[in-house]
C-alpha atoms as a PDB file:
ATOM      1  CA  MET A   1     -69.029 123.355-183.664  1.00  0.00           C
ATOM      2  CA  GLU A   2     -68.999 123.490-179.877  1.00  0.00           C
ATOM      3  CA  PRO A   3     -70.645 120.584-178.047  1.00  0.00           C
ATOM      4  CA  ALA A   4     -74.229 121.326-176.617  1.00  0.00           C
ATOM      5  CA  LEU A   5     -74.240 122.172-173.066  1.00  0.00           C
ATOM      6  CA  VAL A   6     -77.906 121.351-172.702  1.00  0.00           C
ATOM      7  CA  VAL A   7     -78.963 117.741-173.560  1.00  0.00           C
ATOM      8  CA  VAL A   8     -82.652 117.271-174.455  1.00  0.00           C
ATOM      9  CA  ARG A   9     -84.147 113.797-174.321  1.00  0.00           C
ATOM     10  CA  ARG A  10     -87.709 113.009-175.481  1.00  0.00           C
ATOM     11  CA  GLU A  11     -89.734 110.251-173.781  1.00  0.00           C
ATOM     12  CA  GLY A  12     -93.322 110.551-175.544  1.00  0.00           C
ATOM     13  CA  SER A  13     -94.717 113.833-174.458  1.00  0.00           C
ATOM     14  CA  VAL A  14     -92.166 114.357-171.677  1.00  0.00           C
ATOM     15  CA  ALA A  15     -88.987 116.490-172.458  1.00  0.00           C
ATOM     16  CA  HIS A  16     -86.056 115.662-170.145  1.00  0.00           C
ATOM     17  CA  VAL A  17     -83.701 118.734-170.083  1.00  0.00           C
ATOM     18  CA  ALA A  18     -80.276 118.180-168.610  1.00  0.00           C
ATOM     19  CA  LEU A  19     -77.508 120.669-167.831  1.00  0.00           C
ATOM     20  CA  ASP A  20     -74.447 118.939-169.155  1.00  0.00           C
ATOM     21  CA  ARG A  21     -71.376 120.477-167.680  1.00  0.00           C
ATOM     22  CA  PRO A  22     -70.645 117.728-165.071  1.00  0.00           C
ATOM     23  CA  GLU A  23     -66.805 118.548-165.021  1.00  0.00           C
ATOM     24  CA  VAL A  24     -67.565 121.960-163.345  1.00  0.00           C
ATOM     25  CA  ARG A  25     -70.786 121.136-161.439  1.00  0.00           C
ATOM     26  CA  ASN A  26     -73.040 122.191-164.178  1.00  0.00           C
ATOM     27  CA  ALA A  27     -72.150 125.791-163.356  1.00  0.00           C
ATOM     28  CA  PHE A  28     -73.614 128.665-165.364  1.00  0.00           C
ATOM     29  CA  ASN A  29     -71.503 130.491-168.148  1.00  0.00           C
ATOM     30  CA  ALA A  30     -72.875 132.707-170.865  1.00  0.00           C
ATOM     31  CA  ALA A  31     -73.190 129.814-173.346  1.00  0.00           C
ATOM     32  CA  LEU A  32     -75.092 127.494-170.978  1.00  0.00           C
ATOM     33  CA  ILE A  33     -77.369 130.397-169.936  1.00  0.00           C
ATOM     34  CA  GLY A  34     -78.194 131.047-173.470  1.00  0.00           C
ATOM     35  CA  GLU A  35     -78.741 127.362-174.391  1.00  0.00           C
ATOM     36  CA  VAL A  36     -81.174 126.869-171.314  1.00  0.00           C
ATOM     37  CA  ARG A  37     -83.156 129.975-172.389  1.00  0.00           C
ATOM     38  CA  GLU A  38     -83.422 128.848-176.086  1.00  0.00           C
ATOM     39  CA  THR A  39     -84.406 125.382-174.931  1.00  0.00           C
ATOM     40  CA  PHE A  40     -87.201 126.648-172.851  1.00  0.00           C
ATOM     41  CA  LEU A  41     -88.433 129.061-175.383  1.00  0.00           C
ATOM     42  CA  ALA A  42     -88.481 126.211-178.002  1.00  0.00           C
ATOM     43  CA  LEU A  43     -90.319 123.769-175.677  1.00  0.00           C
ATOM     44  CA  ALA A  44     -92.836 126.508-174.930  1.00  0.00           C
ATOM     45  CA  GLU A  45     -94.006 126.524-178.544  1.00  0.00           C
ATOM     46  CA  ASP A  46     -93.901 122.651-178.965  1.00  0.00           C
ATOM     47  CA  ALA A  47     -97.435 121.377-178.705  1.00  0.00           C
ATOM     48  CA  SER A  48     -96.193 117.820-178.444  1.00  0.00           C
ATOM     49  CA  VAL A  49     -94.439 118.541-175.104  1.00  0.00           C
ATOM     50  CA  ARG A  50     -96.632 118.145-172.015  1.00  0.00           C
ATOM     51  CA  VAL A  51     -94.257 117.944-169.200  1.00  0.00           C
ATOM     52  CA  ILE A  52     -90.599 119.012-168.685  1.00  0.00           C
ATOM     53  CA  VAL A  53     -88.100 117.622-166.398  1.00  0.00           C
ATOM     54  CA  LEU A  54     -85.070 119.734-165.546  1.00  0.00           C
ATOM     55  CA  SER A  55     -81.917 117.963-164.230  1.00  0.00           C
ATOM     56  CA  GLY A  56     -78.098 118.146-164.142  1.00  0.00           C
ATOM     57  CA  ASN A  57     -75.886 115.412-165.505  1.00  0.00           C
ATOM     58  CA  GLY A  58     -73.226 114.020-163.054  1.00  0.00           C
ATOM     59  CA  LYS A  59     -73.115 114.439-159.375  1.00  0.00           C
ATOM     60  CA  MET A  60     -74.639 117.747-158.923  1.00  0.00           C
ATOM     61  CA  PHE A  61     -77.667 119.482-160.016  1.00  0.00           C
ATOM     62  CA  CYS A  62     -76.133 122.974-160.420  1.00  0.00           C
ATOM     63  CA  GLY A  63     -73.391 124.683-158.547  1.00  0.00           C
ATOM     64  CA  GLY A  64     -74.323 128.219-159.609  1.00  0.00           C
ATOM     65  CA  ALA A  65     -71.983 130.435-161.537  1.00  0.00           C
ATOM     66  CA  ASP A  66     -68.829 129.161-163.217  1.00  0.00           C
ATOM     67  CA  VAL A  67     -65.654 130.448-161.516  1.00  0.00           C
ATOM     68  CA  THR A  68     -63.943 131.335-164.680  1.00  0.00           C
ATOM     69  CA  TRP A  69     -66.993 133.145-165.935  1.00  0.00           C
ATOM     70  CA  MET A  70     -67.180 135.062-162.752  1.00  0.00           C
ATOM     71  CA  GLY A  71     -63.572 135.952-163.080  1.00  0.00           C
ATOM     72  CA  GLY A  72     -64.306 137.485-166.361  1.00  0.00           C
ATOM     73  CA  ALA A  73     -66.896 139.753-164.885  1.00  0.00           C
ATOM     74  CA  LEU A  74     -64.062 141.542-162.974  1.00  0.00           C
ATOM     75  CA  ALA A  75     -63.046 143.131-166.271  1.00  0.00           C
ATOM     76  CA  LEU A  76     -66.553 144.068-167.410  1.00  0.00           C
ATOM     77  CA  SER A  77     -67.880 147.688-167.083  1.00  0.00           C
ATOM     78  CA  ARG A  78     -71.036 148.574-165.236  1.00  0.00           C
ATOM     79  CA  ASP A  79     -73.031 148.574-168.407  1.00  0.00           C
ATOM     80  CA  GLU A  80     -71.551 145.130-169.434  1.00  0.00           C
ATOM     81  CA  ASN A  81     -72.495 143.785-166.132  1.00  0.00           C
ATOM     82  CA  VAL A  82     -76.097 144.925-166.594  1.00  0.00           C
ATOM     83  CA  ALA A  83     -76.345 143.428-169.924  1.00  0.00           C
ATOM     84  CA  ASP A  84     -74.944 140.238-168.440  1.00  0.00           C
ATOM     85  CA  ALA A  85     -77.534 140.065-165.593  1.00  0.00           C
ATOM     86  CA  ARG A  86     -80.288 140.929-168.059  1.00  0.00           C
ATOM     87  CA  GLY A  87     -79.297 137.822-170.110  1.00  0.00           C
ATOM     88  CA  LEU A  88     -79.387 135.706-166.913  1.00  0.00           C
ATOM     89  CA  SER A  89     -82.786 136.997-165.888  1.00  0.00           C
ATOM     90  CA  ARG A  90     -84.222 136.201-169.371  1.00  0.00           C
ATOM     91  CA  MET A  91     -83.248 132.528-168.767  1.00  0.00           C
ATOM     92  CA  TYR A  92     -85.041 132.401-165.536  1.00  0.00           C
ATOM     93  CA  ARG A  93     -88.039 134.055-166.909  1.00  0.00           C
ATOM     94  CA  ALA A  94     -88.041 131.548-169.932  1.00  0.00           C
ATOM     95  CA  ILE A  95     -88.403 128.708-167.323  1.00  0.00           C
ATOM     96  CA  ASP A  96     -90.766 130.558-165.183  1.00  0.00           C
ATOM     97  CA  ARG A  97     -93.380 131.384-167.979  1.00  0.00           C
ATOM     98  CA  VAL A  98     -93.065 128.161-170.079  1.00  0.00           C
ATOM     99  CA  PRO A  99     -96.752 127.096-170.233  1.00  0.00           C
ATOM    100  CA  LYS A 100     -95.865 123.415-169.379  1.00  0.00           C
ATOM    101  CA  PRO A 101     -95.313 121.987-165.864  1.00  0.00           C
ATOM    102  CA  VAL A 102     -91.452 121.919-164.977  1.00  0.00           C
ATOM    103  CA  ILE A 103     -90.210 119.337-162.487  1.00  0.00           C
ATOM    104  CA  ALA A 104     -86.703 119.860-160.990  1.00  0.00           C
ATOM    105  CA  ARG A 105     -84.923 116.614-160.298  1.00  0.00           C
ATOM    106  CA  VAL A 106     -82.155 117.608-157.633  1.00  0.00           C
ATOM    107  CA  GLN A 107     -79.248 115.600-156.630  1.00  0.00           C
ATOM    108  CA  GLY A 108     -76.006 116.574-155.058  1.00  0.00           C
ATOM    109  CA  ALA A 109     -76.358 120.372-154.598  1.00  0.00           C
ATOM    110  CA  ALA A 110     -78.177 123.393-155.804  1.00  0.00           C
ATOM    111  CA  LEU A 111     -76.313 126.607-154.979  1.00  0.00           C
ATOM    112  CA  GLY A 112     -76.367 130.268-155.938  1.00  0.00           C
ATOM    113  CA  GLY A 113     -78.096 130.431-159.308  1.00  0.00           C
ATOM    114  CA  GLY A 114     -78.695 126.626-159.156  1.00  0.00           C
ATOM    115  CA  ALA A 115     -80.898 127.116-156.165  1.00  0.00           C
ATOM    116  CA  GLY A 116     -82.597 129.952-158.140  1.00  0.00           C
ATOM    117  CA  LEU A 117     -83.561 127.470-160.659  1.00  0.00           C
ATOM    118  CA  LEU A 118     -85.762 125.621-158.191  1.00  0.00           C
ATOM    119  CA  ALA A 119     -87.661 128.877-157.622  1.00  0.00           C
ATOM    120  CA  VAL A 120     -88.907 128.909-161.148  1.00  0.00           C
ATOM    121  CA  CYS A 121     -89.668 125.314-161.372  1.00  0.00           C
ATOM    122  CA  ASP A 122     -93.248 124.244-160.486  1.00  0.00           C
ATOM    123  CA  ILE A 123     -92.292 121.207-158.591  1.00  0.00           C
ATOM    124  CA  ALA A 124     -88.985 120.202-157.055  1.00  0.00           C
ATOM    125  CA  ILE A 125     -88.023 116.784-155.897  1.00  0.00           C
ATOM    126  CA  ALA A 126     -84.695 116.130-154.083  1.00  0.00           C
ATOM    127  CA  ALA A 127     -82.437 113.436-152.901  1.00  0.00           C
ATOM    128  CA  GLN A 128     -82.280 113.442-149.157  1.00  0.00           C
ATOM    129  CA  ASP A 129     -78.479 113.961-149.153  1.00  0.00           C
ATOM    130  CA  ALA A 130     -78.787 117.091-151.449  1.00  0.00           C
ATOM    131  CA  PHE A 131     -77.945 120.472-149.969  1.00  0.00           C
ATOM    132  CA  PHE A 132     -78.770 124.050-151.092  1.00  0.00           C
ATOM    133  CA  GLY A 133     -77.729 127.585-150.672  1.00  0.00           C
ATOM    134  CA  PHE A 134     -78.323 131.205-151.906  1.00  0.00           C
ATOM    135  CA  THR A 135     -74.591 131.773-151.435  1.00  0.00           C
ATOM    136  CA  GLU A 136     -73.836 134.949-153.366  1.00  0.00           C
ATOM    137  CA  THR A 137     -73.287 137.048-150.458  1.00  0.00           C
ATOM    138  CA  LYS A 138     -70.473 134.848-149.327  1.00  0.00           C
ATOM    139  CA  LEU A 139     -68.796 136.134-152.450  1.00  0.00           C
ATOM    140  CA  GLY A 140     -69.564 139.777-151.649  1.00  0.00           C
ATOM    141  CA  ILE A 141     -72.197 139.975-154.540  1.00  0.00           C
ATOM    142  CA  LEU A 142     -75.914 139.733-154.505  1.00  0.00           C
ATOM    143  CA  PRO A 143     -78.617 137.079-155.447  1.00  0.00           C
ATOM    144  CA  ALA A 144     -80.250 140.063-157.151  1.00  0.00           C
ATOM    145  CA  VAL A 145     -81.375 138.313-160.465  1.00  0.00           C
ATOM    146  CA  ILE A 146     -82.988 135.365-158.639  1.00  0.00           C
ATOM    147  CA  SER A 147     -84.469 137.409-155.906  1.00  0.00           C
ATOM    148  CA  PRO A 148     -88.104 138.003-157.561  1.00  0.00           C
ATOM    149  CA  PHE A 149     -88.437 134.373-157.928  1.00  0.00           C
ATOM    150  CA  VAL A 150     -86.997 133.400-154.579  1.00  0.00           C
ATOM    151  CA  VAL A 151     -89.445 135.896-152.882  1.00  0.00           C
ATOM    152  CA  ALA A 152     -92.363 134.609-154.677  1.00  0.00           C
ATOM    153  CA  LYS A 153     -91.421 131.079-153.816  1.00  0.00           C
ATOM    154  CA  LEU A 154     -90.158 131.330-150.137  1.00  0.00           C
ATOM    155  CA  GLY A 155     -91.709 134.742-149.053  1.00  0.00           C
ATOM    156  CA  LEU A 156     -89.688 137.500-147.489  1.00  0.00           C
ATOM    157  CA  SER A 157     -88.936 135.827-144.167  1.00  0.00           C
ATOM    158  CA  HIS A 158     -87.030 132.864-145.577  1.00  0.00           C
ATOM    159  CA  ALA A 159     -85.605 134.884-148.344  1.00  0.00           C
ATOM    160  CA  ARG A 160     -84.066 137.379-145.750  1.00  0.00           C
ATOM    161  CA  ALA A 161     -82.799 134.602-143.476  1.00  0.00           C
ATOM    162  CA  LEU A 162     -81.067 132.468-146.300  1.00  0.00           C
ATOM    163  CA  CYS A 163     -79.931 135.156-148.885  1.00  0.00           C
ATOM    164  CA  LEU A 164     -78.310 137.339-146.169  1.00  0.00           C
ATOM    165  CA  THR A 165     -76.344 134.650-144.508  1.00  0.00           C
ATOM    166  CA  GLY A 166     -75.538 132.802-147.765  1.00  0.00           C
ATOM    167  CA  GLU A 167     -75.739 129.597-145.523  1.00  0.00           C
ATOM    168  CA  ARG A 168     -75.931 126.075-146.853  1.00  0.00           C
ATOM    169  CA  PHE A 169     -78.940 124.223-145.731  1.00  0.00           C
ATOM    170  CA  SER A 170     -80.387 120.569-145.942  1.00  0.00           C
ATOM    171  CA  ALA A 171     -82.941 119.110-148.103  1.00  0.00           C
ATOM    172  CA  GLN A 172     -85.096 118.731-145.069  1.00  0.00           C
ATOM    173  CA  ARG A 173     -85.022 122.546-144.496  1.00  0.00           C
ATOM    174  CA  ALA A 174     -85.596 123.157-148.192  1.00  0.00           C
ATOM    175  CA  LEU A 175     -88.611 120.951-147.880  1.00  0.00           C
ATOM    176  CA  ALA A 176     -89.860 122.786-144.710  1.00  0.00           C
ATOM    177  CA  ILE A 177     -89.629 126.296-146.371  1.00  0.00           C
ATOM    178  CA  GLY A 178     -91.200 125.084-149.654  1.00  0.00           C
ATOM    179  CA  LEU A 179     -88.127 125.319-151.976  1.00  0.00           C
ATOM    180  CA  VAL A 180     -88.544 121.543-152.694  1.00  0.00           C
ATOM    181  CA  HIS A 181     -91.875 119.810-152.396  1.00  0.00           C
ATOM    182  CA  GLU A 182     -90.536 116.065-151.746  1.00  0.00           C
ATOM    183  CA  VAL A 183     -87.407 114.512-150.376  1.00  0.00           C
ATOM    184  CA  VAL A 184     -86.538 111.022-151.110  1.00  0.00           C
ATOM    185  CA  ALA A 185     -83.602 108.639-150.991  1.00  0.00           C
ATOM    186  CA  ALA A 186     -81.101 109.127-153.824  1.00  0.00           C
ATOM    187  CA  GLU A 187     -81.996 105.866-155.365  1.00  0.00           C
ATOM    188  CA  ALA A 188     -85.755 106.725-155.306  1.00  0.00           C
ATOM    189  CA  LEU A 189     -85.386 109.990-157.039  1.00  0.00           C
ATOM    190  CA  ASP A 190     -86.225 108.841-160.508  1.00  0.00           C
ATOM    191  CA  ALA A 191     -89.293 106.672-159.372  1.00  0.00           C
ATOM    192  CA  ALA A 192     -90.458 109.902-157.591  1.00  0.00           C
ATOM    193  CA  VAL A 193     -90.190 112.127-160.657  1.00  0.00           C
ATOM    194  CA  ALA A 194     -91.884 109.489-162.773  1.00  0.00           C
ATOM    195  CA  ARG A 195     -94.828 109.295-160.402  1.00  0.00           C
ATOM    196  CA  VAL A 196     -95.257 113.087-160.503  1.00  0.00           C
ATOM    197  CA  VAL A 197     -94.961 113.076-164.245  1.00  0.00           C
ATOM    198  CA  LYS A 198     -97.744 110.509-164.476  1.00  0.00           C
ATOM    199  CA  GLU A 199     -99.963 112.681-162.340  1.00  0.00           C
ATOM    200  CA  LEU A 200     -99.357 115.745-164.536  1.00  0.00           C
ATOM    201  CA  LEU A 201    -100.246 113.680-167.633  1.00  0.00           C
ATOM    202  CA  GLY A 202    -103.637 112.869-166.259  1.00  0.00           C
ATOM    203  CA  ALA A 203    -104.398 116.591-166.160  1.00  0.00           C
ATOM    204  CA  GLY A 204    -105.570 118.758-169.064  1.00  0.00           C
ATOM    205  CA  PRO A 205    -102.516 120.227-170.785  1.00  0.00           C
ATOM    206  CA  SER A 206    -104.237 123.545-171.720  1.00  0.00           C
ATOM    207  CA  ALA A 207    -105.717 123.811-168.169  1.00  0.00           C
ATOM    208  CA  ILE A 208    -102.200 123.581-166.797  1.00  0.00           C
ATOM    209  CA  GLY A 209    -101.027 126.256-169.240  1.00  0.00           C
ATOM    210  CA  ALA A 210    -104.013 128.564-168.356  1.00  0.00           C
ATOM    211  CA  PHE A 211    -103.499 128.058-164.659  1.00  0.00           C
ATOM    212  CA  LYS A 212     -99.733 128.935-164.766  1.00  0.00           C
ATOM    213  CA  LYS A 213    -100.617 132.078-166.515  1.00  0.00           C
ATOM    214  CA  LEU A 214    -103.461 132.871-164.171  1.00  0.00           C
ATOM    215  CA  LEU A 215    -101.194 132.394-161.115  1.00  0.00           C
ATOM    216  CA  ALA A 216     -98.939 134.935-162.597  1.00  0.00           C
ATOM    217  CA  ARG A 217    -101.651 137.501-163.121  1.00  0.00           C
ATOM    218  CA  VAL A 218    -103.280 136.796-159.712  1.00  0.00           C
ATOM    219  CA  ALA A 219    -100.007 137.479-157.935  1.00  0.00           C
ATOM    220  CA  GLN A 220     -99.649 140.947-159.465  1.00  0.00           C
ATOM    221  CA  ALA A 221    -103.245 141.917-159.120  1.00  0.00           C
ATOM    222  CA  ASP A 222    -104.906 143.607-156.160  1.00  0.00           C
ATOM    223  CA  TYR A 223    -107.758 141.800-154.365  1.00  0.00           C
ATOM    224  CA  ASP A 224    -110.712 143.546-156.060  1.00  0.00           C
ATOM    225  CA  GLU A 225    -109.202 142.792-159.552  1.00  0.00           C
ATOM    226  CA  THR A 226    -108.904 139.070-158.903  1.00  0.00           C
ATOM    227  CA  LEU A 227    -112.772 138.585-158.837  1.00  0.00           C
ATOM    228  CA  GLU A 228    -112.998 139.397-162.498  1.00  0.00           C
ATOM    229  CA  ILE A 229    -109.751 137.848-163.543  1.00  0.00           C
ATOM    230  CA  THR A 230    -110.591 134.498-162.020  1.00  0.00           C
ATOM    231  CA  ALA A 231    -114.210 134.636-163.257  1.00  0.00           C
ATOM    232  CA  GLN A 232    -113.015 135.216-166.661  1.00  0.00           C
ATOM    233  CA  ALA A 233    -110.391 132.464-166.553  1.00  0.00           C
ATOM    234  CA  ILE A 234    -112.726 129.672-165.313  1.00  0.00           C
ATOM    235  CA  ALA A 235    -115.339 130.568-167.920  1.00  0.00           C
ATOM    236  CA  GLN A 236    -112.800 130.591-170.703  1.00  0.00           C
ATOM    237  CA  GLN A 237    -111.574 127.081-169.704  1.00  0.00           C
ATOM    238  CA  ARG A 238    -115.097 125.649-169.082  1.00  0.00           C
ATOM    239  CA  THR A 239    -116.201 126.526-172.504  1.00  0.00           C
ATOM    240  CA  SER A 240    -112.890 125.450-174.290  1.00  0.00           C
ATOM    241  CA  GLU A 241    -112.809 122.077-176.090  1.00  0.00           C
ATOM    242  CA  GLU A 242    -110.571 120.683-173.343  1.00  0.00           C
ATOM    243  CA  GLY A 243    -112.778 121.855-170.586  1.00  0.00           C
ATOM    244  CA  GLN A 244    -115.958 120.511-172.297  1.00  0.00           C
ATOM    245  CA  GLU A 245    -114.321 117.080-172.804  1.00  0.00           C
ATOM    246  CA  GLY A 246    -113.066 116.939-169.255  1.00  0.00           C
ATOM    247  CA  LEU A 247    -116.485 117.654-167.769  1.00  0.00           C
ATOM    248  CA  LYS A 248    -118.269 115.207-170.081  1.00  0.00           C
ATOM    249  CA  ALA A 249    -115.668 112.538-169.359  1.00  0.00           C
ATOM    250  CA  PHE A 250    -116.236 112.897-165.541  1.00  0.00           C
ATOM    251  CA  LEU A 251    -120.039 112.903-165.966  1.00  0.00           C
ATOM    252  CA  GLU A 252    -119.863 109.700-168.427  1.00  0.00           C
ATOM    253  CA  LYS A 253    -117.322 107.957-165.940  1.00  0.00           C
ATOM    254  CA  ARG A 254    -114.797 107.547-168.602  1.00  0.00           C
ATOM    255  CA  ARG A 255    -111.127 108.693-169.337  1.00  0.00           C
ATOM    256  CA  ALA A 256    -110.708 112.124-170.816  1.00  0.00           C
ATOM    257  CA  THR A 257    -109.001 111.878-174.331  1.00  0.00           C
ATOM    258  CA  TRP A 258    -105.711 113.763-173.192  1.00  0.00           C
ATOM    259  CA  ARG A 259    -104.937 111.409-170.258  1.00  0.00           C
ATOM    260  CA  GLU A 260    -101.738 109.407-170.434  1.00  0.00           C
ATOM    261  CA  ASP A 261    -101.616 108.374-166.858  1.00  0.00           C
END
């Protein structure tokens, strides 16, 4: 049996998911892509998991596509390339739509498809010496599969500037454009992640899942549709068991039953 390329470590209700190909900068190949997708699909169904932390083992978060794997694409037909790209897209979509908050813990670099991972995580925390890049155009190819997520995260202006040039950029620029949400010293990375995990464990788990689903609907709806969509969503949550417990706990000045913070 081939060794796993994704390592999952449980810490209570927190699942730590690590890409585990440090010898090739945690670069994607077909096997890793499949394992990441299956891991997130399984975590989506696991009611005992409330928070997911995504990281990369070794010195780098994720260096994008594996050179050997990309070399194999030279021999693929157009139809085979389409199938290959669909598989990659399904991986990103599994992360994007998992009904749990996902924190990216970024060290070293996040390049190409690795930078695309940050676009489908809810919160990204980076070491101050980390660097980033949507580098596909430097290879004469496109950041096509990640583009819906990158545009949603950064907007068209930054997506155009960074994906056209393929340039590498600093953690401070990543912070300024919203690709990451916090930049800390490398030695403070784990503490920063732990702090955000604690905040998330203080929030209602079904409320988080419901809001992620709501955001996806609102992003695709026109202005008039959002009135009914949002009214129905808040009514559903207020009358749910979790919503009732949360409001009662607030009024009674006590901790809600789900809180782990």
